[in-house]
C-alpha cells in the first residue's frame, strides 16, 4: 500500500514540475519590460485562448493531490 502512495507521490511531483515549467508568469504575459518577452519559440502563447486558465486549474488539482498523498504517506508510514 505504501508503495502505491510513493508511486503516486512521485508522479504528482513530476507533473507539478512539468506544469510549473510550462506555465507563464504574470510578467511574461504582460510583455515584461515591453521588449518582447513572454514568447515561446518565437510565437506569443496568448493566441491560445484559455490555455493558461486550464493549466492553472490543473496545477491546482495536482498540487492538492500531492499534498493529500504526502499526508497519507506520513500517516501510513507512522503506522497509524
Protein backbone atom coordinates (compact mmCIF):
# COMPACT_ATOMS: atom_id res chain seq x y z
CA UNK A 1 0.00 0.00 0.00
CA UNK A 2 2.79 2.38 0.87
CA UNK A 3 4.50 1.63 -2.44
CA UNK A 4 1.39 2.75 -4.33
CA UNK A 5 1.39 6.03 -2.40
CA UNK A 6 5.08 6.52 -3.19
CA UNK A 7 4.46 5.99 -6.91
CA UNK A 8 1.53 8.41 -6.93
CA UNK A 9 3.55 10.96 -4.96
CA UNK A 10 6.48 10.79 -7.40
CA UNK A 11 4.13 11.05 -10.38
CA UNK A 12 2.42 14.10 -8.85
CA UNK A 13 5.79 15.72 -8.11
CA UNK A 14 6.96 15.22 -11.70
CA UNK A 15 3.65 16.55 -13.01
CA UNK A 16 3.99 19.65 -10.81
CA UNK A 17 7.49 20.26 -12.12
CA UNK A 18 6.32 19.94 -15.73
CA UNK A 19 3.23 22.11 -15.21
CA UNK A 20 5.25 24.80 -13.46
CA UNK A 21 7.80 24.79 -16.26
CA UNK A 22 5.21 25.44 -18.97
CA UNK A 23 3.09 27.97 -17.06
CA UNK A 24 3.76 31.63 -17.77
CA UNK A 25 4.22 34.19 -15.04
CA UNK A 26 2.29 37.47 -14.99
CA UNK A 27 5.33 39.40 -16.22
CA UNK A 28 5.68 37.05 -19.19
CA UNK A 29 2.03 37.51 -20.08
CA UNK A 30 2.16 41.29 -19.96
CA UNK A 31 5.32 41.51 -22.00
CA UNK A 32 7.76 42.03 -19.14
CA UNK A 33 9.56 45.29 -19.78
CA UNK A 34 7.99 45.73 -23.20
CA UNK A 35 10.92 44.19 -25.00
CA UNK A 36 9.15 41.17 -26.46
CA UNK A 37 9.46 38.83 -23.51
CA UNK A 38 6.72 36.28 -22.98
CA UNK A 39 7.05 34.39 -26.22
CA UNK A 40 7.71 30.70 -26.54
CA UNK A 41 9.54 29.56 -29.64
CA UNK A 42 9.08 32.96 -31.22
CA UNK A 43 5.29 32.79 -31.02
CA UNK A 44 3.11 34.55 -28.50
CA UNK A 45 1.29 31.98 -26.41
CA UNK A 46 -1.60 34.39 -25.88
CA UNK A 47 -3.04 33.18 -29.17
CA UNK A 48 -4.24 30.02 -27.40
CA UNK A 49 -7.32 31.24 -25.57
CA UNK A 50 -7.92 29.80 -22.14
CA UNK A 51 -4.85 27.58 -22.07
CA UNK A 52 -3.30 29.39 -19.11
CA UNK A 53 -6.54 29.13 -17.15
CA UNK A 54 -6.68 25.39 -17.78
CA UNK A 55 -3.04 24.95 -16.81
CA UNK A 56 -3.60 26.89 -13.60
CA UNK A 57 -6.62 24.75 -12.72
CA UNK A 58 -4.78 21.50 -13.48
CA UNK A 59 -1.75 22.67 -11.48
CA UNK A 60 -4.01 23.42 -8.51
CA UNK A 61 -5.60 19.96 -8.64
CA UNK A 62 -2.23 18.22 -8.94
CA UNK A 63 -0.81 20.27 -6.05
CA UNK A 64 -3.76 19.41 -3.80
CA UNK A 65 -3.43 15.76 -4.79
CA UNK A 66 0.28 15.83 -3.99
CA UNK A 67 -0.45 17.34 -0.58
CA UNK A 68 -3.10 14.73 0.23
CA UNK A 69 -0.87 11.85 -0.87
CA UNK A 70 2.05 13.26 1.12
CA UNK A 71 -0.10 13.38 4.26
CA UNK A 72 -1.29 9.82 3.61
CA UNK A 73 2.33 8.63 3.21
CA UNK A 74 3.22 10.24 6.52
CA UNK A 75 0.25 8.70 8.33
CA UNK A 76 0.72 5.22 6.85
CA UNK A 77 4.48 5.19 7.44
CA UNK A 78 3.89 6.05 11.11
CA UNK A 79 1.67 3.01 11.39
CA UNK A 80 -1.48 4.90 12.16
